[in-house]
Amino acid sequence: MPSRSFLVPGGAVEIGTRPLIMGIVNASPNSFSDGGELRTLEDRVERARRLVADGADLIDVGGQSGVTNEPEIPAEVEAERVVPLVEALVAEGIAVSVDTYRPQVAGPALDAGASIVNDVSGLLYPEVAALCARAGAALVVMHTRTPPKVRRDDPELYDDVTADVVAFLRERIAVAGEQGLGAEHVIVDPGPDFAKTPAQTVAVLRDLDRVDALGRPVLLALSRKDFIGAITGRRPRERLAGTLAAIAALYGPPGRILRVHDVAAVRDLLDVLAVLRGEVELAPETVLAEDLRREPPGA
């Protein structure tokens, strides 16, 4: 079973049976899922406010699109997009994760108040772990077998993809430790779609108990992913039903963090599942509010 907690500058973050919800705010103009619809800093801050109101526990902000086979943007451009957003959200009391793998971005973002670095490179630059150690922040370590911004779909890449994920993450946790970051600060991510075919991603997700055995909280970045598109034949913004199905199938054990675009829908899913599984009791006197029984006229 994964750990129920991880350490950030304010202390331990506990994750019970109900997962933490990490809402996504992209500060890049070419995100695969939202096409750069958030043009200004205020647009991005407002999106974060809405996600928190919908039930997000923290916000993951990124300044470089994950779209593959495109060149990296300069680190200073990424920092210019991310750091003001981190500062603005932290000033409003919102917990922030920064989606970056570069020290030149992670350092200023941590200085601005980010409490987590979400590194999708598999800790390509170990200095990122040292920066997290200095700040007392948490670090997400993700499995991948390609450099950032490079796509690899190779059905023959792994003999046992889950064994590779577990070995890689264990080794990267050790590298973070060599940089002074204790395992209690580390969150692991099996890396759906990263250097994996849809079938390889599914194989790992069916075998998450082996990832759980690392004893760290597990980030599940399932929202709108390619493997869901491959199963359903739908484009990113049409993958909500598939995303909810994946979350319902996988979120179970304590210690899960869900990185999602559609926070309100995920919150509703978790609320209903909690009642139907007997984790939360519905009071006998509960009735549906009259204004919720039907759509308003003209809606």
Foldseek 3Di string as FASTA:
>chain_A
DAAQWFWWLVGIDGWAQDAAEEAEFELECCAQFPNNPQDDLVSRLVLVVVLVVLPHQAYEYWHFHQAAPDDTDDPVNRQVRPLVSLLVCVVVVGAYEYEELDPSNLQSSLVSPHQEYEYQQQNPPLVSLLSCLVSRHAYEGEDADDGGRHAAEDPPPDPQLLVSLQVSNVVSQVSSVVSVHHPSRYEYEDDQRHNYDLVSSVSNQVVCVSVSVVRHQYEYAQQQDVSQCVVVVDRSVVRPVVSLVSCVVHSGGNRYYYYYHPNNVNVVSSVVVCPVVVVDDDDPPDDDDPCPPDDDPPD
